[in-house]
Protein backbone atom coordinates (compact mmCIF):
# COMPACT_ATOMS: atom_id res chain seq x y z
CA MET A 1 -133.99 132.44 -57.63
CA THR A 2 -136.97 133.34 -60.65
CA LEU A 3 -136.65 133.77 -63.78
CA THR A 4 -137.96 137.80 -62.52
CA ASP A 5 -135.20 137.67 -59.82
CA GLU A 6 -132.63 137.12 -62.16
CA ILE A 7 -133.89 139.43 -64.50
CA LEU A 8 -133.59 142.74 -62.08
CA ASP A 9 -130.64 140.80 -61.01
CA ARG A 10 -129.01 141.10 -64.12
CA LEU A 11 -130.42 144.99 -64.79
CA GLY A 12 -128.75 145.99 -61.43
CA ASP A 13 -129.45 149.31 -60.39
CA PRO A 14 -129.05 151.56 -63.35
CA GLY A 15 -130.86 149.38 -65.92
CA LEU A 16 -133.86 149.42 -63.41
CA GLU A 17 -133.25 153.30 -63.46
CA GLN A 18 -133.42 153.40 -67.42
CA PHE A 19 -136.29 151.74 -67.44
CA ALA A 20 -137.37 153.85 -64.50
CA GLY A 21 -136.91 157.33 -66.58
CA MET A 22 -138.44 155.40 -69.58
CA LEU A 23 -141.84 155.13 -67.07
CA GLY A 24 -141.38 157.94 -65.79
CA THR A 25 -141.98 157.01 -61.93
CA CYS A 26 -139.78 155.69 -58.69
CA THR A 27 -137.61 152.93 -59.08
CA ALA A 28 -139.95 150.58 -56.62
CA THR A 29 -142.80 151.28 -59.25
CA THR A 30 -140.90 150.42 -61.62
CA ARG A 31 -139.36 146.42 -59.98
CA THR A 32 -143.24 145.77 -59.52
CA VAL A 33 -143.96 146.84 -63.26
CA LEU A 34 -140.87 145.19 -64.57
CA GLN A 35 -142.23 142.05 -62.16
CA VAL A 36 -145.97 142.57 -63.88
CA VAL A 37 -144.16 142.69 -67.36
CA THR A 38 -142.07 139.12 -66.93
CA GLY A 39 -144.89 137.56 -65.36
CA THR A 40 -146.38 138.56 -68.05
CA ILE A 41 -144.91 137.68 -70.67
CA VAL A 42 -144.09 134.05 -68.93
CA GLY A 43 -147.78 133.94 -68.24
CA GLY A 44 -147.97 133.96 -72.30
CA MET A 45 -144.73 132.02 -72.55
CA ALA A 46 -146.74 129.60 -70.45
CA ARG A 47 -150.35 129.30 -72.36
CA ASN A 48 -148.53 128.79 -75.49
CA ALA A 49 -147.17 126.18 -74.18
CA ASP A 50 -149.66 124.66 -72.77
CA ASP A 51 -149.92 122.71 -76.42
CA PRO A 52 -148.05 120.49 -76.69
CA ASP A 53 -147.05 122.15 -80.33
CA GLY A 54 -146.51 125.64 -78.62
CA ALA A 55 -144.20 124.01 -76.36
CA GLU A 56 -142.30 122.35 -78.32
CA ALA A 57 -142.01 125.57 -81.13
CA LEU A 58 -140.98 127.65 -77.89
CA ARG A 59 -138.09 125.36 -77.15
CA GLY A 60 -136.80 125.50 -80.55
CA ALA A 61 -136.98 129.35 -80.45
CA LEU A 62 -134.97 128.96 -77.04
CA GLU A 63 -131.79 127.77 -78.96
CA ASP A 64 -131.89 131.06 -80.63
CA HIS A 65 -131.38 132.88 -77.79
CA VAL A 66 -128.51 131.07 -76.14
CA ASP A 67 -126.21 133.26 -76.84
CA ALA A 68 -127.65 135.81 -76.83
CA ASP A 69 -126.98 139.00 -74.16
CA PRO A 70 -130.03 141.52 -74.34
CA PHE A 71 -129.16 142.91 -70.95
CA ASN A 72 -125.90 144.70 -73.54
CA GLY A 73 -127.59 144.75 -76.97
CA ASP A 74 -128.60 148.14 -78.91
CA ILE A 75 -131.99 148.92 -78.19
CA ALA A 76 -132.79 148.79 -81.54
CA SER A 77 -132.20 145.19 -82.76
CA LEU A 78 -133.73 144.14 -79.07
CA THR A 79 -136.81 145.52 -79.82
CA ARG A 80 -137.15 144.23 -83.58
CA ASP A 81 -136.44 140.83 -81.44
CA GLY A 82 -138.84 142.04 -78.87
CA GLN A 83 -141.53 142.54 -80.69
CA SER A 84 -141.19 139.27 -82.59
CA ILE A 85 -141.43 137.77 -79.57
CA LEU A 86 -144.08 139.24 -78.23
CA GLY A 87 -146.24 138.41 -81.47
CA HIS A 88 -146.23 134.77 -81.24
CA VAL A 89 -146.36 134.82 -77.14
CA LEU A 90 -149.01 137.72 -77.14
CA GLY A 91 -150.12 138.92 -80.87
CA ALA A 92 -150.01 142.22 -81.51
CA GLN A 93 -153.41 143.79 -79.83
CA GLY A 94 -152.75 141.45 -77.10
CA THR A 95 -149.46 143.47 -77.01
CA GLU A 96 -151.03 146.70 -76.92
CA GLN A 97 -153.71 145.54 -74.45
CA ALA A 98 -151.03 144.54 -72.05
CA ALA A 99 -149.31 148.00 -72.30
CA ALA A 100 -152.47 149.59 -71.73
CA GLU A 101 -153.25 147.57 -68.68
CA LEU A 102 -150.13 148.10 -67.54
CA SER A 103 -150.05 151.71 -67.74
CA ARG A 104 -152.89 151.87 -65.05
CA LEU A 105 -150.87 149.86 -62.85
CA ALA A 106 -147.59 152.28 -63.14
CA GLY A 107 -149.68 155.42 -64.00
CA ALA A 108 -147.51 155.45 -66.43
CA ASP A 109 -148.14 156.29 -70.40
CA PRO A 110 -149.52 153.22 -72.85
CA ALA A 111 -146.43 154.15 -75.11
CA ALA A 112 -143.92 154.09 -72.10
CA LEU A 113 -144.99 150.59 -71.80
CA MET A 114 -145.29 149.31 -75.63
CA LYS A 115 -141.14 150.63 -75.70
CA ILE A 116 -140.33 147.99 -72.49
CA LEU A 117 -142.23 144.85 -73.00
CA PRO A 118 -140.26 144.64 -76.65
CA LEU A 119 -137.15 145.13 -74.05
CA VAL A 120 -137.87 142.72 -71.50
CA ALA A 121 -139.02 140.16 -73.90
CA PRO A 122 -135.85 139.21 -75.00
CA MET A 123 -134.34 138.95 -71.21
CA VAL A 124 -137.16 136.59 -71.03
CA MET A 125 -136.14 134.13 -73.57
CA SER A 126 -132.48 134.59 -72.81
CA VAL A 127 -132.55 133.90 -69.19
CA LEU A 128 -134.96 130.81 -69.90
CA ALA A 129 -133.08 129.83 -72.83
CA CYS A 130 -129.36 129.37 -70.68
CA HIS A 131 -131.46 127.54 -68.21
CA ALA A 132 -133.61 125.59 -70.56
CA ALA A 133 -129.72 124.30 -71.84
CA GLU A 134 -127.66 124.19 -68.07
CA HIS A 135 -130.43 121.67 -67.61
CA ASP A 136 -131.25 119.85 -71.08
CA MET A 137 -134.84 120.29 -71.06
CA GLU A 138 -137.26 118.82 -72.91
CA ALA A 139 -140.71 121.06 -74.57
CA ARG A 140 -142.63 119.95 -71.64
CA ASP A 141 -139.78 120.34 -68.93
CA VAL A 142 -139.63 124.22 -70.10
CA ALA A 143 -143.51 124.33 -70.30
CA ASP A 144 -143.28 122.64 -66.30
CA VAL A 145 -140.86 125.77 -65.54
CA LEU A 146 -143.06 128.80 -66.57
CA HIS A 147 -145.93 127.50 -64.41
CA ARG A 148 -143.62 127.03 -61.04
CA GLU A 149 -142.57 130.76 -62.69
CA GLN A 150 -146.06 131.99 -63.13
CA ALA A 151 -146.68 130.68 -59.57
CA ALA A 152 -143.83 132.29 -57.77
CA LEU A 153 -144.93 135.77 -58.62
CA PRO A 154 -146.29 137.39 -55.76
CA LEU A 155 -149.38 137.20 -54.76
CA ARG A 156 -150.10 140.78 -54.79
CA LEU A 157 -149.66 140.67 -58.61
CA THR A 158 -150.66 137.44 -59.79
CA ASP A 159 -154.98 138.47 -59.67
CA PHE A 160 -153.80 141.34 -61.77
CA VAL A 161 -151.37 139.35 -64.41
CA GLU A 162 -153.85 136.44 -64.45
CA ALA A 163 -157.04 139.23 -65.69
CA LEU A 164 -154.66 140.70 -68.09
CA LEU A 165 -153.58 137.12 -69.60
CA ASP A 166 -157.49 136.50 -69.47
CA GLY A 167 -158.40 139.39 -71.56
CA VAL A 168 -155.54 138.30 -74.19
CA TYR A 169 -156.55 134.46 -74.36
CA GLY A 170 -159.34 134.42 -72.66
CA PRO A 171 -159.62 132.04 -69.48
CA PRO A 172 -157.91 129.23 -69.48
CA ALA A 173 -159.35 125.92 -70.07
CA PRO A 174 -159.89 123.95 -67.90
CA LEU A 175 -159.99 127.01 -65.02
CA ARG A 176 -157.19 126.91 -62.75
CA ALA A 177 -157.94 127.18 -59.09
CA ARG A 178 -156.27 130.72 -58.09
CA THR A 179 -155.29 129.26 -54.94
CA ARG A 180 -152.62 127.28 -55.92
CA PRO A 181 -149.67 127.06 -53.88
CA ARG A 182 -146.55 128.77 -54.66
CA PRO A 183 -143.69 126.80 -55.44
CA GLN A 184 -139.95 127.94 -54.26
CA VAL A 185 -138.25 128.05 -58.03
CA ASP A 186 -134.44 126.83 -57.93
CA TRP A 187 -132.25 126.06 -60.66
């Protein structure tokens, strides 16, 4: 099960319907948007973790999220935590850029995506933190998991997420092939 699958599973239909209400879309579109939002956050983390210092910083930050439960938290604290996470992962301008691109995909208002992104970021951190703790992962292991997660994104969404991240970060160096294998992510 991927991080995205686990997040969608933990949200369940009620959570998905809440996000759909925020976006003003059907639940099928919302599911796709949440896959892309999660893929964008994971991809940003993966790019940051390509640098050993970035991987160490992320591994340290995961310690703060092991016991967090963003699936049952209050919206205000979840949003604050999410904005902080997004600031580290995408930066303020990158977050706005991601919201604008995601709004085109969803056919939704960018302001709605600016509300969704910080709600999903702590969910990604929490699920990743739990897996890192359960499997006693080092920083490099976390970076590897993030790359496997990124590769597990459905093919139809991969190019969108990669283009979005390239817009935020610039092309990765060295440029990764877009036809990489899609490994199964198992925990």
